Amino acid sequence: MKTIATFFAVILFASNSMAASQCAELKKELQAMQKAQAQIMASLVNNHETFASSLEEYSTTVQTAKGSAVKAVSKEMDQSAQAFRTRGVQGKKMATQLNAATGDLLARVASCLN
């Protein structure tokens, strides 16, 4: 009977050690996920800025052309550039909030696993 109790104690200890190892790996994966998410969001936000800059460059080119119709298109392009910049600012805010929420989730999961 004592041998069976010892056997179960060894299995329980091994099981807890394995769970701790799995938890440590889970923490690493969650941290990697957070890093990747931040990079993806930054890339998306940067795309908005790049597009806005491109529109402004086109606008400058069109402004040097002749005719009132061309100048009207130029004005619309400037408005589009501003709209995309606004979307970029909103994207930055969203990325910051999402990153904070992910960090909070990571902290709560980590505390549960300790």
PDB file of N, CA and C in Angstrom:
ATOM      1  N   MET A   1       0.819  -1.177   0.000  1.00  0.00           N
ATOM      2  CA  MET A   1       0.000   0.000   0.000  1.00  0.00           C
ATOM      3  C   MET A   1       0.871   1.252   0.000  1.00  0.00           C
ATOM      4  N   LYS A   2       1.969   1.219   0.779  1.00  0.00           N
ATOM      5  CA  LYS A   2       2.882   2.353   0.832  1.00  0.00           C
ATOM      6  C   LYS A   2       3.523   2.577  -0.531  1.00  0.00           C
ATOM      7  N   THR A   3       3.810   1.505  -1.274  1.00  0.00           N
ATOM      8  CA  THR A   3       4.405   1.603  -2.593  1.00  0.00           C
ATOM      9  C   THR A   3       3.451   2.289  -3.561  1.00  0.00           C
ATOM     10  N   ILE A   4       2.163   1.976  -3.484  1.00  0.00           N
ATOM     11  CA  ILE A   4       1.164   2.602  -4.353  1.00  0.00           C
ATOM     12  C   ILE A   4       1.065   4.094  -4.050  1.00  0.00           C
ATOM     13  N   ALA A   5       1.072   4.449  -2.781  1.00  0.00           N
ATOM     14  CA  ALA A   5       0.997   5.862  -2.395  1.00  0.00           C
ATOM     15  C   ALA A   5       2.219   6.613  -2.921  1.00  0.00           C
ATOM     16  N   THR A   6       3.386   6.007  -2.803  1.00  0.00           N
ATOM     17  CA  THR A   6       4.608   6.624  -3.317  1.00  0.00           C
ATOM     18  C   THR A   6       4.513   6.779  -4.833  1.00  0.00           C
ATOM     19  N   PHE A   7       4.009   5.762  -5.505  1.00  0.00           N
ATOM     20  CA  PHE A   7       3.851   5.808  -6.955  1.00  0.00           C
ATOM     21  C   PHE A   7       2.948   6.968  -7.368  1.00  0.00           C
ATOM     22  N   PHE A   8       1.799   7.111  -6.681  1.00  0.00           N
ATOM     23  CA  PHE A   8       0.891   8.207  -7.009  1.00  0.00           C
ATOM     24  C   PHE A   8       1.522   9.570  -6.694  1.00  0.00           C
ATOM     25  N   ALA A   9       2.296   9.645  -5.655  1.00  0.00           N
ATOM     26  CA  ALA A   9       2.977  10.898  -5.320  1.00  0.00           C
ATOM     27  C   ALA A   9       3.972  11.276  -6.408  1.00  0.00           C
ATOM     28  N   VAL A  10       4.699  10.297  -6.935  1.00  0.00           N
ATOM     29  CA  VAL A  10       5.661  10.553  -8.009  1.00  0.00           C
ATOM     30  C   VAL A  10       4.925  10.995  -9.266  1.00  0.00           C
ATOM     31  N   ILE A  11       3.824  10.341  -9.603  1.00  0.00           N
ATOM     32  CA  ILE A  11       3.044  10.721 -10.788  1.00  0.00           C
ATOM     33  C   ILE A  11       2.485  12.129 -10.627  1.00  0.00           C
ATOM     34  N   LEU A  12       1.964  12.448  -9.460  1.00  0.00           N
ATOM     35  CA  LEU A  12       1.424  13.783  -9.205  1.00  0.00           C
ATOM     36  C   LEU A  12       2.524  14.829  -9.338  1.00  0.00           C
ATOM     37  N   PHE A  13       3.694  14.564  -8.782  1.00  0.00           N
ATOM     38  CA  PHE A  13       4.820  15.495  -8.883  1.00  0.00           C
ATOM     39  C   PHE A  13       5.226  15.686 -10.343  1.00  0.00           C
ATOM     40  N   ALA A  14       5.313  14.608 -11.101  1.00  0.00           N
ATOM     41  CA  ALA A  14       5.684  14.685 -12.516  1.00  0.00           C
ATOM     42  C   ALA A  14       4.628  15.447 -13.299  1.00  0.00           C
ATOM     43  N   SER A  15       3.386  15.227 -12.970  1.00  0.00           N
ATOM     44  CA  SER A  15       2.290  15.919 -13.645  1.00  0.00           C
ATOM     45  C   SER A  15       2.362  17.422 -13.387  1.00  0.00           C
ATOM     46  N   ASN A  16       2.622  17.817 -12.144  1.00  0.00           N
ATOM     47  CA  ASN A  16       2.741  19.235 -11.806  1.00  0.00           C
ATOM     48  C   ASN A  16       3.949  19.863 -12.493  1.00  0.00           C
ATOM     49  N   SER A  17       5.047  19.140 -12.574  1.00  0.00           N
ATOM     50  CA  SER A  17       6.232  19.654 -13.255  1.00  0.00           C
ATOM     51  C   SER A  17       5.959  19.841 -14.734  1.00  0.00           C
ATOM     52  N   MET A  18       5.242  18.889 -15.323  1.00  0.00           N
ATOM     53  CA  MET A  18       4.914  18.999 -16.724  1.00  0.00           C
ATOM     54  C   MET A  18       3.984  20.191 -16.947  1.00  0.00           C
ATOM     55  N   ALA A  19       3.024  20.382 -16.071  1.00  0.00           N
ATOM     56  CA  ALA A  19       2.095  21.502 -16.196  1.00  0.00           C
ATOM     57  C   ALA A  19       2.845  22.819 -16.084  1.00  0.00           C
ATOM     58  N   ALA A  20       3.794  22.905 -15.185  1.00  0.00           N
ATOM     59  CA  ALA A  20       4.581  24.135 -15.043  1.00  0.00           C
ATOM     60  C   ALA A  20       5.384  24.405 -16.302  1.00  0.00           C
ATOM     61  N   SER A  21       5.940  23.359 -16.880  1.00  0.00           N
ATOM     62  CA  SER A  21       6.695  23.495 -18.124  1.00  0.00           C
ATOM     63  C   SER A  21       5.779  23.975 -19.250  1.00  0.00           C
ATOM     64  N   GLN A  22       4.589  23.401 -19.330  1.00  0.00           N
ATOM     65  CA  GLN A  22       3.630  23.801 -20.354  1.00  0.00           C
ATOM     66  C   GLN A  22       3.197  25.253 -20.148  1.00  0.00           C
ATOM     67  N   CYS A  23       3.019  25.651 -18.895  1.00  0.00           N
ATOM     68  CA  CYS A  23       2.630  27.023 -18.592  1.00  0.00           C
ATOM     69  C   CYS A  23       3.726  28.004 -18.998  1.00  0.00           C
ATOM     70  N   ALA A  24       4.962  27.642 -18.755  1.00  0.00           N
ATOM     71  CA  ALA A  24       6.076  28.507 -19.135  1.00  0.00           C
ATOM     72  C   ALA A  24       6.115  28.669 -20.650  1.00  0.00           C
ATOM     73  N   GLU A  25       5.877  27.589 -21.356  1.00  0.00           N
ATOM     74  CA  GLU A  25       5.848  27.643 -22.819  1.00  0.00           C
ATOM     75  C   GLU A  25       4.678  28.493 -23.301  1.00  0.00           C
ATOM     76  N   LEU A  26       3.539  28.357 -22.630  1.00  0.00           N
ATOM     77  CA  LEU A  26       2.366  29.153 -22.976  1.00  0.00           C
ATOM     78  C   LEU A  26       2.651  30.644 -22.803  1.00  0.00           C
ATOM     79  N   LYS A  27       3.328  30.993 -21.734  1.00  0.00           N
ATOM     80  CA  LYS A  27       3.701  32.394 -21.502  1.00  0.00           C
ATOM     81  C   LYS A  27       4.555  32.914 -22.658  1.00  0.00           C
ATOM     82  N   LYS A  28       5.534  32.115 -23.062  1.00  0.00           N
ATOM     83  CA  LYS A  28       6.415  32.516 -24.168  1.00  0.00           C
ATOM     84  C   LYS A  28       5.618  32.712 -25.454  1.00  0.00           C
ATOM     85  N   GLU A  29       4.693  31.811 -25.711  1.00  0.00           N
ATOM     86  CA  GLU A  29       3.878  31.915 -26.919  1.00  0.00           C
ATOM     87  C   GLU A  29       2.999  33.154 -26.884  1.00  0.00           C
ATOM     88  N   LEU A  30       2.421  33.450 -25.746  1.00  0.00           N
ATOM     89  CA  LEU A  30       1.584  34.641 -25.619  1.00  0.00           C
ATOM     90  C   LEU A  30       2.412  35.915 -25.805  1.00  0.00           C
ATOM     91  N   GLN A  31       3.620  35.929 -25.291  1.00  0.00           N
ATOM     92  CA  GLN A  31       4.491  37.091 -25.468  1.00  0.00           C
ATOM     93  C   GLN A  31       4.872  37.267 -26.936  1.00  0.00           C
ATOM     94  N   ALA A  32       5.155  36.165 -27.601  1.00  0.00           N
ATOM     95  CA  ALA A  32       5.479  36.225 -29.028  1.00  0.00           C
ATOM     96  C   ALA A  32       4.275  36.700 -29.829  1.00  0.00           C
ATOM     97  N   MET A  33       3.094  36.246 -29.446  1.00  0.00           N
ATOM     98  CA  MET A  33       1.873  36.666 -30.108  1.00  0.00           C
ATOM     99  C   MET A  33       1.665  38.170 -29.954  1.00  0.00           C
ATOM    100  N   GLN A  34       1.911  38.666 -28.761  1.00  0.00           N
ATOM    101  CA  GLN A  34       1.744  40.099 -28.517  1.00  0.00           C
ATOM    102  C   GLN A  34       2.718  40.908 -29.371  1.00  0.00           C
ATOM    103  N   LYS A  35       3.958  40.456 -29.466  1.00  0.00           N
ATOM    104  CA  LYS A  35       4.959  41.151 -30.283  1.00  0.00           C
ATOM    105  C   LYS A  35       4.553  41.166 -31.749  1.00  0.00           C
ATOM    106  N   ALA A  36       4.116  40.032 -32.241  1.00  0.00           N
ATOM    107  CA  ALA A  36       3.700  39.928 -33.645  1.00  0.00           C
ATOM    108  C   ALA A  36       2.494  40.819 -33.909  1.00  0.00           C
ATOM    109  N   GLN A  37       1.569  40.823 -32.991  1.00  0.00           N
ATOM    110  CA  GLN A  37       0.377  41.657 -33.132  1.00  0.00           C
ATOM    111  C   GLN A  37       0.756  43.131 -33.199  1.00  0.00           C
ATOM    112  N   ALA A  38       1.656  43.554 -32.355  1.00  0.00           N
ATOM    113  CA  ALA A  38       2.093  44.956 -32.350  1.00  0.00           C
ATOM    114  C   ALA A  38       2.760  45.320 -33.677  1.00  0.00           C
ATOM    115  N   GLN A  39       3.558  44.408 -34.221  1.00  0.00           N
ATOM    116  CA  GLN A  39       4.218  44.666 -35.498  1.00  0.00           C
ATOM    117  C   GLN A  39       3.218  44.752 -36.636  1.00  0.00           C
ATOM    118  N   ILE A  40       2.235  43.881 -36.626  1.00  0.00           N
ATOM    119  CA  ILE A  40       1.215  43.892 -37.669  1.00  0.00           C
ATOM    120  C   ILE A  40       0.408  45.185 -37.613  1.00  0.00           C
ATOM    121  N   MET A  41       0.010  45.567 -36.424  1.00  0.00           N
ATOM    122  CA  MET A  41      -0.770  46.799 -36.280  1.00  0.00           C
ATOM    123  C   MET A  41       0.053  48.018 -36.693  1.00  0.00           C
ATOM    124  N   ALA A  42       1.309  48.060 -36.336  1.00  0.00           N
ATOM    125  CA  ALA A  42       2.170  49.185 -36.730  1.00  0.00           C
ATOM    126  C   ALA A  42       2.288  49.253 -38.243  1.00  0.00           C
ATOM    127  N   SER A  43       2.406  48.110 -38.866  1.00  0.00           N
ATOM    128  CA  SER A  43       2.493  48.063 -40.322  1.00  0.00           C
ATOM    129  C   SER A  43       1.220  48.598 -40.972  1.00  0.00           C
ATOM    130  N   LEU A  44       0.087  48.206 -40.447  1.00  0.00           N
ATOM    131  CA  LEU A  44      -1.180  48.683 -40.995  1.00  0.00           C
ATOM    132  C   LEU A  44      -1.315  50.195 -40.846  1.00  0.00           C
ATOM    133  N   VAL A  45      -0.919  50.706 -39.703  1.00  0.00           N
ATOM    134  CA  VAL A  45      -0.983  52.151 -39.463  1.00  0.00           C
ATOM    135  C   VAL A  45      -0.032  52.878 -40.412  1.00  0.00           C
ATOM    136  N   ASN A  46       1.164  52.354 -40.591  1.00  0.00           N
ATOM    137  CA  ASN A  46       2.130  52.976 -41.500  1.00  0.00           C
ATOM    138  C   ASN A  46       1.628  52.995 -42.938  1.00  0.00           C
ATOM    139  N   ASN A  47       0.857  51.987 -43.322  1.00  0.00           N
ATOM    140  CA  ASN A  47       0.300  51.962 -44.673  1.00  0.00           C
ATOM    141  C   ASN A  47      -0.610  53.155 -44.926  1.00  0.00           C
ATOM    142  N   HIS A  48      -1.366  53.543 -43.918  1.00  0.00           N
ATOM    143  CA  HIS A  48      -2.239  54.720 -44.070  1.00  0.00           C
ATOM    144  C   HIS A  48      -1.409  55.974 -44.323  1.00  0.00           C
ATOM    145  N   GLU A  49      -0.351  56.142 -43.581  1.00  0.00           N
ATOM    146  CA  GLU A  49       0.498  57.318 -43.744  1.00  0.00           C
ATOM    147  C   GLU A  49       1.153  57.327 -45.126  1.00  0.00           C
ATOM    148  N   THR A  50       1.603  56.192 -45.561  1.00  0.00           N
ATOM    149  CA  THR A  50       2.223  56.095 -46.883  1.00  0.00           C
ATOM    150  C   THR A  50       1.228  56.462 -47.979  1.00  0.00           C
ATOM    151  N   PHE A  51       0.023  55.964 -47.856  1.00  0.00           N
ATOM    152  CA  PHE A  51      -0.984  56.272 -48.861  1.00  0.00           C
ATOM    153  C   PHE A  51      -1.314  57.759 -48.863  1.00  0.00           C
ATOM    154  N   ALA A  52      -1.443  58.354 -47.691  1.00  0.00           N
ATOM    155  CA  ALA A  52      -1.724  59.787 -47.606  1.00  0.00           C
ATOM    156  C   ALA A  52      -0.597  60.598 -48.251  1.00  0.00           C
ATOM    157  N   SER A  53       0.629  60.216 -48.003  1.00  0.00           N
ATOM    158  CA  SER A  53       1.765  60.918 -48.605  1.00  0.00           C
ATOM    159  C   SER A  53       1.759  60.786 -50.122  1.00  0.00           C
ATOM    160  N   SER A  54       1.413  59.620 -50.608  1.00  0.00           N
ATOM    161  CA  SER A  54       1.331  59.408 -52.061  1.00  0.00           C
ATOM    162  C   SER A  54       0.256  60.303 -52.678  1.00  0.00           C
ATOM    163  N   LEU A  55      -0.871  60.380 -52.026  1.00  0.00           N
ATOM    164  CA  LEU A  55      -1.938  61.244 -52.534  1.00  0.00           C
ATOM    165  C   LEU A  55      -1.488  62.703 -52.592  1.00  0.00           C
ATOM    166  N   GLU A  56      -0.771  63.142 -51.589  1.00  0.00           N
ATOM    167  CA  GLU A  56      -0.278  64.525 -51.585  1.00  0.00           C
ATOM    168  C   GLU A  56       0.709  64.764 -52.727  1.00  0.00           C
ATOM    169  N   GLU A  57       1.543  63.791 -52.994  1.00  0.00           N
ATOM    170  CA  GLU A  57       2.483  63.925 -54.110  1.00  0.00           C
ATOM    171  C   GLU A  57       1.735  64.037 -55.445  1.00  0.00           C
ATOM    172  N   TYR A  58       0.731  63.200 -55.628  1.00  0.00           N
ATOM    173  CA  TYR A  58      -0.076  63.290 -56.840  1.00  0.00           C
ATOM    174  C   TYR A  58      -0.761  64.656 -56.927  1.00  0.00           C
ATOM    175  N   SER A  59      -1.250  65.118 -55.802  1.00  0.00           N
ATOM    176  CA  SER A  59      -1.927  66.406 -55.768  1.00  0.00           C
ATOM    177  C   SER A  59      -0.998  67.529 -56.210  1.00  0.00           C
ATOM    178  N   THR A  60       0.225  67.514 -55.727  1.00  0.00           N
ATOM    179  CA  THR A  60       1.206  68.535 -56.105  1.00  0.00           C
ATOM    180  C   THR A  60       1.459  68.489 -57.610  1.00  0.00           C
ATOM    181  N   THR A  61       1.559  67.301 -58.141  1.00  0.00           N
ATOM    182  CA  THR A  61       1.779  67.144 -59.577  1.00  0.00           C
ATOM    183  C   THR A  61       0.602  67.690 -60.373  1.00  0.00           C
ATOM    184  N   VAL A  62      -0.597  67.367 -59.948  1.00  0.00           N
ATOM    185  CA  VAL A  62      -1.791  67.810 -60.660  1.00  0.00           C
ATOM    186  C   VAL A  62      -1.949  69.330 -60.565  1.00  0.00           C
ATOM    187  N   GLN A  63      -1.562  69.916 -59.435  1.00  0.00           N
ATOM    188  CA  GLN A  63      -1.687  71.371 -59.257  1.00  0.00           C
ATOM    189  C   GLN A  63      -0.858  72.141 -60.276  1.00  0.00           C
ATOM    190  N   THR A  64       0.217  71.600 -60.739  1.00  0.00           N
ATOM    191  CA  THR A  64       1.058  72.286 -61.716  1.00  0.00           C
ATOM    192  C   THR A  64       0.491  72.179 -63.121  1.00  0.00           C
ATOM    193  N   ALA A  65      -0.484  71.308 -63.304  1.00  0.00           N
ATOM    194  CA  ALA A  65      -1.127  71.177 -64.614  1.00  0.00           C
ATOM    195  C   ALA A  65      -2.099  72.342 -64.807  1.00  0.00           C
ATOM    196  N   LYS A  66      -2.619  72.493 -66.013  1.00  0.00           N
ATOM    197  CA  LYS A  66      -3.503  73.609 -66.322  1.00  0.00           C
ATOM    198  C   LYS A  66      -4.954  73.159 -66.329  1.00  0.00           C
ATOM    199  N   GLY A  67      -5.809  74.114 -66.090  1.00  0.00           N
ATOM    200  CA  GLY A  67      -7.241  73.851 -66.166  1.00  0.00           C
ATOM    201  C   GLY A  67      -7.883  73.762 -64.800  1.00  0.00           C
ATOM    202  N   SER A  68      -9.105  74.303 -64.707  1.00  0.00           N
ATOM    203  CA  SER A  68      -9.813  74.323 -63.429  1.00  0.00           C
ATOM    204  C   SER A  68     -10.252  72.932 -62.985  1.00  0.00           C
ATOM    205  N   ALA A  69     -10.537  72.043 -63.916  1.00  0.00           N
ATOM    206  CA  ALA A  69     -10.951  70.683 -63.565  1.00  0.00           C
ATOM    207  C   ALA A  69      -9.826  69.946 -62.841  1.00  0.00           C
ATOM    208  N   VAL A  70      -8.608  70.178 -63.299  1.00  0.00           N
ATOM    209  CA  VAL A  70      -7.463  69.519 -62.681  1.00  0.00           C
ATOM    210  C   VAL A  70      -7.285  70.020 -61.249  1.00  0.00           C
ATOM    211  N   LYS A  71      -7.499  71.317 -61.049  1.00  0.00           N
ATOM    212  CA  LYS A  71      -7.357  71.870 -59.701  1.00  0.00           C
ATOM    213  C   LYS A  71      -8.444  71.330 -58.769  1.00  0.00           C
ATOM    214  N   ALA A  72      -9.616  71.073 -59.283  1.00  0.00           N
ATOM    215  CA  ALA A  72     -10.699  70.497 -58.474  1.00  0.00           C
ATOM    216  C   ALA A  72     -10.331  69.082 -58.035  1.00  0.00           C
ATOM    217  N   VAL A  73      -9.740  68.329 -58.958  1.00  0.00           N
ATOM    218  CA  VAL A  73      -9.298  66.968 -58.615  1.00  0.00           C
ATOM    219  C   VAL A  73      -8.218  67.036 -57.549  1.00  0.00           C
ATOM    220  N   SER A  74      -7.341  68.025 -57.683  1.00  0.00           N
ATOM    221  CA  SER A  74      -6.272  68.198 -56.706  1.00  0.00           C
ATOM    222  C   SER A  74      -6.844  68.452 -55.315  1.00  0.00           C
ATOM    223  N   LYS A  75      -7.869  69.271 -55.238  1.00  0.00           N
ATOM    224  CA  LYS A  75      -8.498  69.562 -53.945  1.00  0.00           C
ATOM    225  C   LYS A  75      -9.103  68.285 -53.347  1.00  0.00           C
ATOM    226  N   GLU A  76      -9.751  67.489 -54.185  1.00  0.00           N
ATOM    227  CA  GLU A  76     -10.334  66.228 -53.715  1.00  0.00           C
ATOM    228  C   GLU A  76      -9.252  65.267 -53.223  1.00  0.00           C
ATOM    229  N   MET A  77      -8.135  65.274 -53.906  1.00  0.00           N
ATOM    230  CA  MET A  77      -7.029  64.404 -53.488  1.00  0.00           C
ATOM    231  C   MET A  77      -6.493  64.842 -52.131  1.00  0.00           C
ATOM    232  N   ASP A  78      -6.397  66.146 -51.906  1.00  0.00           N
ATOM    233  CA  ASP A  78      -5.957  66.653 -50.597  1.00  0.00           C
ATOM    234  C   ASP A  78      -6.931  66.230 -49.501  1.00  0.00           C
ATOM    235  N   GLN A  79      -8.226  66.307 -49.814  1.00  0.00           N
ATOM    236  CA  GLN A  79      -9.235  65.891 -48.831  1.00  0.00           C
ATOM    237  C   GLN A  79      -9.131  64.391 -48.547  1.00  0.00           C
ATOM    238  N   SER A  80      -8.870  63.623 -49.577  1.00  0.00           N
ATOM    239  CA  SER A  80      -8.699  62.180 -49.386  1.00  0.00           C
ATOM    240  C   SER A  80      -7.475  61.888 -48.529  1.00  0.00           C
ATOM    241  N   ALA A  81      -6.406  62.634 -48.776  1.00  0.00           N
ATOM    242  CA  ALA A  81      -5.182  62.447 -47.978  1.00  0.00           C
ATOM    243  C   ALA A  81      -5.470  62.718 -46.512  1.00  0.00           C
ATOM    244  N   GLN A  82      -6.212  63.789 -46.237  1.00  0.00           N
ATOM    245  CA  GLN A  82      -6.543  64.116 -44.844  1.00  0.00           C
ATOM    246  C   GLN A  82      -7.421  63.018 -44.228  1.00  0.00           C
ATOM    247  N   ALA A  83      -8.349  62.503 -45.010  1.00  0.00           N
ATOM    248  CA  ALA A  83      -9.219  61.428 -44.507  1.00  0.00           C
ATOM    249  C   ALA A  83      -8.403  60.182 -44.162  1.00  0.00           C
ATOM    250  N   PHE A  84      -7.449  59.849 -45.018  1.00  0.00           N
ATOM    251  CA  PHE A  84      -6.608  58.688 -44.724  1.00  0.00           C
ATOM    252  C   PHE A  84      -5.724  58.926 -43.511  1.00  0.00           C
ATOM    253  N   ARG A  85      -5.249  60.164 -43.334  1.00  0.00           N
ATOM    254  CA  ARG A  85      -4.451  60.471 -42.134  1.00  0.00           C
ATOM    255  C   ARG A  85      -5.296  60.312 -40.881  1.00  0.00           C
ATOM    256  N   THR A  86      -6.529  60.775 -40.957  1.00  0.00           N
ATOM    257  CA  THR A  86      -7.435  60.637 -39.813  1.00  0.00           C
ATOM    258  C   THR A  86      -7.642  59.163 -39.489  1.00  0.00           C
ATOM    259  N   ARG A  87      -7.819  58.355 -40.527  1.00  0.00           N
ATOM    260  CA  ARG A  87      -7.973  56.923 -40.312  1.00  0.00           C
ATOM    261  C   ARG A  87      -6.703  56.330 -39.695  1.00  0.00           C
ATOM    262  N   GLY A  88      -5.561  56.837 -40.112  1.00  0.00           N
ATOM    263  CA  GLY A  88      -4.299  56.365 -39.535  1.00  0.00           C
ATOM    264  C   GLY A  88      -4.195  56.678 -38.056  1.00  0.00           C
ATOM    265  N   VAL A  89      -4.620  57.900 -37.677  1.00  0.00           N
ATOM    266  CA  VAL A  89      -4.601  58.287 -36.258  1.00  0.00           C
ATOM    267  C   VAL A  89      -5.541  57.384 -35.462  1.00  0.00           C
ATOM    268  N   GLN A  90      -6.709  57.123 -36.027  1.00  0.00           N
ATOM    269  CA  GLN A  90      -7.653  56.222 -35.362  1.00  0.00           C
ATOM    270  C   GLN A  90      -7.072  54.812 -35.258  1.00  0.00           C
ATOM    271  N   GLY A  91      -6.369  54.386 -36.304  1.00  0.00           N
ATOM    272  CA  GLY A  91      -5.725  53.071 -36.273  1.00  0.00           C
ATOM    273  C   GLY A  91      -4.663  52.986 -35.189  1.00  0.00           C
ATOM    274  N   LYS A  92      -3.899  54.089 -35.025  1.00  0.00           N
ATOM    275  CA  LYS A  92      -2.885  54.116 -33.964  1.00  0.00           C
ATOM    276  C   LYS A  92      -3.529  53.983 -32.596  1.00  0.00           C
ATOM    277  N   LYS A  93      -4.637  54.695 -32.397  1.00  0.00           N
ATOM    278  CA  LYS A  93      -5.350  54.619 -31.108  1.00  0.00           C
ATOM    279  C   LYS A  93      -5.852  53.202 -30.872  1.00  0.00           C
ATOM    280  N   MET A  94      -6.418  52.619 -31.915  1.00  0.00           N
ATOM    281  CA  MET A  94      -6.932  51.263 -31.792  1.00  0.00           C
ATOM    282  C   MET A  94      -5.800  50.279 -31.512  1.00  0.00           C
ATOM    283  N   ALA A  95      -4.683  50.441 -32.188  1.00  0.00           N
ATOM    284  CA  ALA A  95      -3.544  49.555 -31.972  1.00  0.00           C
ATOM    285  C   ALA A  95      -3.044  49.665 -30.537  1.00  0.00           C
ATOM    286  N   THR A  96      -3.003  50.897 -30.016  1.00  0.00           N
ATOM    287  CA  THR A  96      -2.558  51.102 -28.634  1.00  0.00           C
ATOM    288  C   THR A  96      -3.511  50.429 -27.650  1.00  0.00           C
ATOM    289  N   GLN A  97      -4.812  50.596 -27.886  1.00  0.00           N
ATOM    290  CA  GLN A  97      -5.805  49.974 -27.004  1.00  0.00           C
ATOM    291  C   GLN A  97      -5.747  48.450 -27.090  1.00  0.00           C
ATOM    292  N   LEU A  98      -5.613  47.941 -28.307  1.00  0.00           N
ATOM    293  CA  LEU A  98      -5.542  46.493 -28.498  1.00  0.00           C
ATOM    294  C   LEU A  98      -4.288  45.921 -27.859  1.00  0.00           C
ATOM    295  N   ASN A  99      -3.191  46.625 -27.988  1.00  0.00           N
ATOM    296  CA  ASN A  99      -1.943  46.163 -27.386  1.00  0.00           C
ATOM    297  C   ASN A  99      -2.042  46.173 -25.860  1.00  0.00           C
ATOM    298  N   ALA A 100      -2.667  47.206 -25.313  1.00  0.00           N
ATOM    299  CA  ALA A 100      -2.848  47.276 -23.861  1.00  0.00           C
ATOM    300  C   ALA A 100      -3.744  46.138 -23.371  1.00  0.00           C
ATOM    301  N   ALA A 101      -4.810  45.871 -24.118  1.00  0.00           N
ATOM    302  CA  ALA A 101      -5.712  44.786 -23.737  1.00  0.00           C
ATOM    303  C   ALA A 101      -5.007  43.439 -23.806  1.00  0.00           C
ATOM    304  N   THR A 102      -4.185  43.249 -24.812  1.00  0.00           N
ATOM    305  CA  THR A 102      -3.433  42.008 -24.934  1.00  0.00           C
ATOM    306  C   THR A 102      -2.434  41.872 -23.787  1.00  0.00           C
ATOM    307  N   GLY A 103      -1.774  42.983 -23.450  1.00  0.00           N
ATOM    308  CA  GLY A 103      -0.838  42.974 -22.319  1.00  0.00           C
ATOM    309  C   GLY A 103      -1.537  42.621 -21.024  1.00  0.00           C
ATOM    310  N   ASP A 104      -2.727  43.176 -20.845  1.00  0.00           N
ATOM    311  CA  ASP A 104      -3.510  42.866 -19.647  1.00  0.00           C
ATOM    312  C   ASP A 104      -3.889  41.390 -19.620  1.00  0.00           C
ATOM    313  N   LEU A 105      -4.318  40.878 -20.757  1.00  0.00           N
ATOM    314  CA  LEU A 105      -4.677  39.459 -20.838  1.00  0.00           C
ATOM    315  C   LEU A 105      -3.471  38.587 -20.532  1.00  0.00           C
ATOM    316  N   LEU A 106      -2.346  38.938 -21.077  1.00  0.00           N
ATOM    317  CA  LEU A 106      -1.114  38.182 -20.829  1.00  0.00           C
ATOM    318  C   LEU A 106      -0.776  38.196 -19.341  1.00  0.00           C
ATOM    319  N   ALA A 107      -0.898  39.350 -18.714  1.00  0.00           N
ATOM    320  CA  ALA A 107      -0.590  39.449 -17.279  1.00  0.00           C
ATOM    321  C   ALA A 107      -1.544  38.590 -16.453  1.00  0.00           C
ATOM    322  N   ARG A 108      -2.827  38.609 -16.814  1.00  0.00           N
ATOM    323  CA  ARG A 108      -3.799  37.813 -16.053  1.00  0.00           C
ATOM    324  C   ARG A 108      -3.577  36.317 -16.255  1.00  0.00           C
ATOM    325  N   VAL A 109      -3.286  35.913 -17.481  1.00  0.00           N
ATOM    326  CA  VAL A 109      -3.015  34.500 -17.738  1.00  0.00           C
ATOM    327  C   VAL A 109      -1.749  34.075 -17.003  1.00  0.00           C
ATOM    328  N   ALA A 110      -0.728  34.923 -17.047  1.00  0.00           N
ATOM    329  CA  ALA A 110       0.527  34.599 -16.368  1.00  0.00           C
ATOM    330  C   ALA A 110       0.311  34.457 -14.866  1.00  0.00           C
ATOM    331  N   SER A 111      -0.509  35.345 -14.285  1.00  0.00           N
ATOM    332  CA  SER A 111      -0.736  35.245 -12.847  1.00  0.00           C
ATOM    333  C   SER A 111      -1.530  34.000 -12.497  1.00  0.00           C
ATOM    334  N   CYS A 112      -2.407  33.587 -13.361  1.00  0.00           N
ATOM    335  CA  CYS A 112      -3.179  32.351 -13.124  1.00  0.00           C
ATOM    336  C   CYS A 112      -2.283  31.124 -13.207  1.00  0.00           C
ATOM    337  N   LEU A 113      -1.265  31.219 -14.043  1.00  0.00           N
ATOM    338  CA  LEU A 113      -0.396  30.056 -14.241  1.00  0.00           C
ATOM    339  C   LEU A 113       0.671  29.924 -13.175  1.00  0.00           C
ATOM    340  N   ASN A 114       0.912  30.990 -12.428  1.00  0.00           N
ATOM    341  CA  ASN A 114       1.945  30.923 -11.379  1.00  0.00           C
ATOM    342  C   ASN A 114       1.458  30.198 -10.162  1.00  0.00           C
TER     343      ASN A 114
END
